[in-house]
Amino acid sequence: MLDNDMLSRFELSRVISKKVKVYGVIWFFIILVFGIVGLISEWSLIPLVFGNFITTLIALFIFNMDISRYQIAGLFGAVSAAKEKLSN
């Protein structure tokens, strides 16, 4: 598709890549906490399994809502860029 150099110039790609990293780190630490709770509690594997399932579903839902905001902004940006190019 696009080179890494060209992709790094776009502000939207930098914002989305930072968001993906942040969501991944937060998801990892939440799963880690559920794993530790599973180790020290008497329920053993139940917190890890349900915590992983629920955390993943909630994180995917929130991530989808967060990233979908940029589709509209990207569309308006593309339209304004096309309009500017046509006027020149």
Protein backbone atom coordinates (compact mmCIF):
# COMPACT_ATOMS: atom_id res chain seq x y z
CA MET A 1 0.00 0.00 0.00
CA LEU A 2 2.05 2.95 1.31
CA ASP A 3 5.65 3.21 2.41
CA ASN A 4 6.36 3.65 6.11
CA ASP A 5 7.96 7.04 5.40
CA MET A 6 4.90 8.27 3.57
CA LEU A 7 2.53 6.82 6.17
CA SER A 8 4.40 8.49 9.05
CA ARG A 9 3.81 11.92 7.50
CA PHE A 10 0.04 11.67 7.94
CA GLU A 11 -1.18 12.98 11.28
CA LEU A 12 -4.16 10.62 11.31
CA SER A 13 -1.96 7.54 10.97
CA ARG A 14 0.22 8.69 13.88
CA VAL A 15 -2.83 9.29 16.08
CA ILE A 16 -4.34 5.91 15.26
CA SER A 17 -1.06 4.05 15.81
CA LYS A 18 -0.66 5.71 19.23
CA LYS A 19 -4.23 4.78 20.14
CA VAL A 20 -3.67 1.15 19.11
CA LYS A 21 -0.57 0.98 21.31
CA VAL A 22 -2.35 2.55 24.29
CA TYR A 23 -5.36 0.25 23.97
CA GLY A 24 -3.05 -2.76 23.67
CA VAL A 25 -1.06 -1.85 26.78
CA ILE A 26 -4.20 -1.21 28.82
CA TRP A 27 -5.74 -4.49 27.64
CA PHE A 28 -2.53 -6.35 28.52
CA PHE A 29 -2.42 -4.96 32.06
CA ILE A 30 -6.09 -5.71 32.69
CA ILE A 31 -5.59 -9.31 31.55
CA LEU A 32 -2.48 -9.47 33.75
CA VAL A 33 -4.50 -8.29 36.77
CA PHE A 34 -7.17 -10.92 36.09
CA GLY A 35 -4.42 -13.54 35.80
CA ILE A 36 -2.97 -12.54 39.17
CA VAL A 37 -6.45 -12.59 40.72
CA GLY A 38 -6.88 -16.08 39.25
CA LEU A 39 -3.61 -17.17 40.86
CA ILE A 40 -4.34 -15.86 44.35
CA SER A 41 -8.08 -16.50 44.56
CA GLU A 42 -9.84 -19.75 45.25
CA TRP A 43 -11.75 -19.56 41.96
CA SER A 44 -8.57 -20.32 40.01
CA LEU A 45 -9.28 -19.96 36.28
CA ILE A 46 -12.72 -18.32 36.36
CA PRO A 47 -11.50 -14.68 36.78
CA LEU A 48 -9.01 -15.09 33.96
CA VAL A 49 -11.47 -16.64 31.51
CA PHE A 50 -14.39 -14.31 32.19
CA GLY A 51 -12.12 -11.31 32.66
CA ASN A 52 -10.42 -11.97 29.34
CA PHE A 53 -13.73 -12.44 27.55
CA ILE A 54 -15.47 -9.41 29.04
CA THR A 55 -12.40 -7.14 28.82
CA THR A 56 -11.84 -8.05 25.18
CA LEU A 57 -15.46 -7.40 24.22
CA ILE A 58 -15.63 -4.09 26.06
CA ALA A 59 -12.23 -2.98 24.72
CA LEU A 60 -13.24 -3.83 21.14
CA PHE A 61 -16.50 -1.92 21.52
CA ILE A 62 -14.79 1.17 22.96
CA PHE A 63 -11.96 1.00 20.41
CA ASN A 64 -14.46 0.75 17.55
CA MET A 65 -16.36 3.81 18.78
CA ASP A 66 -13.14 5.76 19.30
CA ILE A 67 -11.64 4.97 15.89
CA SER A 68 -14.90 5.46 13.97
CA ARG A 69 -14.75 9.17 14.85
CA TYR A 70 -11.79 9.54 12.48
CA GLN A 71 -13.64 8.13 9.48
CA ILE A 72 -15.88 11.19 9.38
CA ALA A 73 -12.96 13.56 9.97
CA GLY A 74 -10.96 11.79 7.27
CA LEU A 75 -13.84 12.07 4.83
CA PHE A 76 -14.14 15.82 5.42
CA GLY A 77 -10.38 16.19 5.06
CA ALA A 78 -10.39 14.32 1.77
CA VAL A 79 -13.26 16.42 0.43
CA SER A 80 -11.58 19.69 1.40
CA ALA A 81 -8.27 18.55 -0.12
CA ALA A 82 -10.02 17.58 -3.35
CA LYS A 83 -11.87 20.89 -3.42
CA GLU A 84 -8.60 22.77 -2.88
CA LYS A 85 -6.88 20.84 -5.64
CA LEU A 86 -9.71 21.46 -8.06
CA SER A 87 -9.72 25.19 -7.33
CA ASN A 88 -5.98 25.50 -8.12
